[in-house]
Amino acid sequence: MNRLSLFDNEHKKTMLSIKMLCDPDHPDNALPEYREAARLCKFLLEREQLYDLFLGEETDTIDAFYSDARCFAMICDRIYHAIVDDGDICFAKVDNRPRILFQNRWEVTLKSASSKNEQLIWQSLKEFAEKREAEGKPIKNLLTPTLSFFNNSREFIEFVEAQK
């Protein structure tokens, strides 16, 4: 067998896998947790904005999952594993921005759910407010970063779609 045929066969298998992983009505997705994973994968497959729902540091570790079928199938497999097996996925809002985190909800902190850039901005704002306070010119109603969670992926998807 020549390599092009081998690559073509692997690509076809991967495409069939993606179709199954993104189909909540597929017979293999009959259990509720499998259906939830399939809905999330379908949502990501159909989404125009690519990486905005993931923490910047996370996208480095999960590769450029929209770059080819194999990479997208890998992120779907990771989602299935997290939802079905180990629970290491949660759906959060950091300053009202939705985010998928591959962490157990009970272990997530504002710092772990935030990008380094967000943390730098918040630190700068805090230092500026402290400086103003020391000068006797306090800033009233200074916004502080917030972290909250969605109960499940359905709530998360509905929130994201409502923001369009």
Protein backbone atom coordinates (compact mmCIF):
# COMPACT_ATOMS: atom_id res chain seq x y z
CA MET A 1 0.00 0.00 0.00
CA ASN A 2 1.39 3.43 -0.82
CA ARG A 3 1.53 6.10 1.86
CA LEU A 4 -1.00 8.39 0.17
CA SER A 5 -3.60 5.63 0.32
CA LEU A 6 -2.75 5.01 3.96
CA PHE A 7 -3.09 8.74 4.77
CA ASP A 8 -6.36 8.89 2.87
CA ASN A 9 -7.76 5.90 4.79
CA GLU A 10 -6.71 7.41 8.14
CA HIS A 11 -8.29 10.72 7.20
CA LYS A 12 -11.56 8.99 6.28
CA LYS A 13 -11.57 7.14 9.61
CA THR A 14 -10.92 10.38 11.47
CA MET A 15 -13.74 12.15 9.63
CA LEU A 16 -16.15 9.33 10.51
CA SER A 17 -15.01 9.58 14.12
CA ILE A 18 -15.62 13.34 14.19
CA LYS A 19 -19.09 12.88 12.74
CA MET A 20 -19.92 10.42 15.51
CA LEU A 21 -18.30 12.54 18.24
CA CYS A 22 -20.32 15.60 17.16
CA ASP A 23 -23.68 13.85 16.80
CA PRO A 24 -25.77 13.83 20.00
CA ASP A 25 -28.26 11.50 18.30
CA HIS A 26 -25.69 8.88 17.32
CA PRO A 27 -26.46 5.50 18.95
CA ASP A 28 -23.03 5.47 20.62
CA ASN A 29 -24.02 8.69 22.40
CA ALA A 30 -27.19 7.35 24.01
CA LEU A 31 -26.07 7.94 27.62
CA PRO A 32 -26.64 11.49 28.94
CA GLU A 33 -22.96 12.25 29.56
CA TYR A 34 -22.02 11.08 26.05
CA ARG A 35 -24.81 13.23 24.60
CA GLU A 36 -23.51 16.22 26.58
CA ALA A 37 -19.99 15.69 25.21
CA ALA A 38 -21.36 15.35 21.68
CA ARG A 39 -23.35 18.60 22.00
CA LEU A 40 -20.25 20.45 23.16
CA CYS A 41 -18.11 18.99 20.35
CA LYS A 42 -20.78 19.89 17.78
CA PHE A 43 -20.93 23.41 19.19
CA LEU A 44 -17.15 23.78 18.86
CA LEU A 45 -17.17 22.32 15.35
CA GLU A 46 -19.79 24.80 14.15
CA ARG A 47 -18.41 27.83 16.01
CA GLU A 48 -16.92 30.67 13.97
CA GLN A 49 -14.74 32.11 16.72
CA LEU A 50 -12.06 29.53 17.24
CA TYR A 51 -10.06 29.86 20.44
CA ASP A 52 -11.81 32.55 22.48
CA LEU A 53 -13.52 30.02 24.77
CA PHE A 54 -10.27 28.48 25.93
CA LEU A 55 -7.63 29.93 28.18
CA GLY A 56 -4.67 31.05 26.08
CA GLU A 57 -2.28 28.74 27.88
CA GLU A 58 -4.69 25.83 27.33
CA THR A 59 -4.71 26.25 23.55
CA ASP A 60 -0.96 25.70 23.56
CA THR A 61 -1.40 22.37 25.32
CA ILE A 62 -4.30 21.15 23.19
CA ASP A 63 -2.56 22.03 19.94
CA ALA A 64 -4.20 23.97 17.15
CA PHE A 65 -7.25 21.74 17.23
CA TYR A 66 -8.95 23.47 14.34
CA SER A 67 -5.96 22.99 12.05
CA ASP A 68 -6.88 19.52 10.81
CA ALA A 69 -9.26 16.63 11.39
CA ARG A 70 -6.86 14.65 13.56
CA CYS A 71 -6.33 17.57 15.93
CA PHE A 72 -10.05 18.27 16.19
CA ALA A 73 -10.76 14.61 16.89
CA MET A 74 -8.16 14.78 19.68
CA ILE A 75 -9.89 17.72 21.39
CA CYS A 76 -13.22 15.89 21.08
CA ASP A 77 -11.66 12.81 22.68
CA ARG A 78 -10.33 15.00 25.50
CA ILE A 79 -13.80 16.50 26.03
CA TYR A 80 -15.41 13.05 26.10
CA HIS A 81 -12.82 11.79 28.57
CA ALA A 82 -13.29 14.83 30.81
CA ILE A 83 -17.09 14.71 30.79
CA VAL A 84 -17.59 10.95 30.85
CA ASP A 85 -14.65 9.68 32.90
CA ASP A 86 -12.81 12.07 35.17
CA GLY A 87 -14.78 15.32 35.48
CA ASP A 88 -11.75 17.47 34.75
CA ILE A 89 -13.72 20.03 32.77
CA CYS A 90 -15.78 23.00 33.84
CA PHE A 91 -17.55 25.90 32.25
CA ALA A 92 -16.78 29.24 33.82
CA LYS A 93 -17.19 32.97 33.42
CA VAL A 94 -14.20 35.17 34.13
CA ASP A 95 -15.42 38.76 34.22
CA ASN A 96 -18.49 37.58 32.31
CA ARG A 97 -16.37 36.02 29.53
CA PRO A 98 -17.19 32.35 29.00
CA ARG A 99 -14.37 29.87 29.26
CA ILE A 100 -13.89 26.11 29.01
CA LEU A 101 -11.33 24.88 31.51
CA PHE A 102 -9.87 21.39 31.65
CA GLN A 103 -9.85 21.40 35.45
CA ASN A 104 -12.13 20.09 38.14
CA ARG A 105 -14.53 22.87 39.09
CA TRP A 106 -13.67 22.60 42.77
CA GLU A 107 -9.98 23.18 42.09
CA VAL A 108 -10.37 26.25 39.87
CA THR A 109 -9.31 29.62 41.21
CA LEU A 110 -9.54 33.03 39.61
CA LYS A 111 -5.81 32.82 38.94
CA SER A 112 -5.95 29.39 37.29
CA ALA A 113 -8.95 30.48 35.18
CA SER A 114 -7.25 33.66 33.98
CA SER A 115 -4.65 34.29 31.36
CA LYS A 116 -1.31 35.80 32.32
CA ASN A 117 -2.31 38.95 30.45
CA GLU A 118 -5.54 39.27 32.46
CA GLN A 119 -3.61 38.80 35.69
CA LEU A 120 -1.15 41.54 34.69
CA ILE A 121 -3.97 43.94 33.90
CA TRP A 122 -5.70 43.24 37.22
CA GLN A 123 -2.42 43.68 39.10
CA SER A 124 -1.79 46.99 37.36
CA LEU A 125 -5.28 48.22 38.24
CA LYS A 126 -4.82 47.15 41.85
CA GLU A 127 -1.47 48.98 42.10
CA PHE A 128 -2.98 52.09 40.52
CA ALA A 129 -5.90 52.02 42.99
CA GLU A 130 -3.50 51.57 45.92
CA LYS A 131 -1.42 54.53 44.70
CA ARG A 132 -4.53 56.69 44.43
CA GLU A 133 -5.58 55.56 47.91
CA ALA A 134 -2.18 56.57 49.32
CA GLU A 135 -2.53 59.98 47.65
CA GLY A 136 -5.89 60.46 49.34
CA LYS A 137 -7.75 60.16 46.04
CA PRO A 138 -9.43 56.77 46.33
CA ILE A 139 -11.16 55.28 43.34
CA LYS A 140 -14.79 54.58 44.06
CA ASN A 141 -16.46 51.48 42.66
CA LEU A 142 -13.27 49.85 41.42
CA LEU A 143 -14.28 46.68 39.64
CA THR A 144 -12.66 43.52 40.86
CA PRO A 145 -12.30 40.37 38.76
CA THR A 146 -14.99 37.76 39.19
CA LEU A 147 -15.24 34.03 38.64
CA SER A 148 -18.49 32.10 38.39
CA PHE A 149 -19.54 28.77 36.94
CA PHE A 150 -22.21 27.33 34.71
CA ASN A 151 -23.90 24.18 36.00
CA ASN A 152 -23.34 22.29 32.75
CA SER A 153 -22.32 22.62 29.12
CA ARG A 154 -25.89 23.33 28.01
CA GLU A 155 -26.03 26.51 30.13
CA PHE A 156 -22.59 27.44 28.85
CA ILE A 157 -23.55 26.99 25.18
CA GLU A 158 -26.79 28.96 25.65
CA PHE A 159 -24.87 31.82 27.26
CA VAL A 160 -22.29 31.91 24.46
CA GLU A 161 -24.94 31.81 21.74
CA ALA A 162 -26.93 34.60 23.43
CA GLN A 163 -23.86 36.85 23.17
CA LYS A 164 -23.84 36.79 19.37
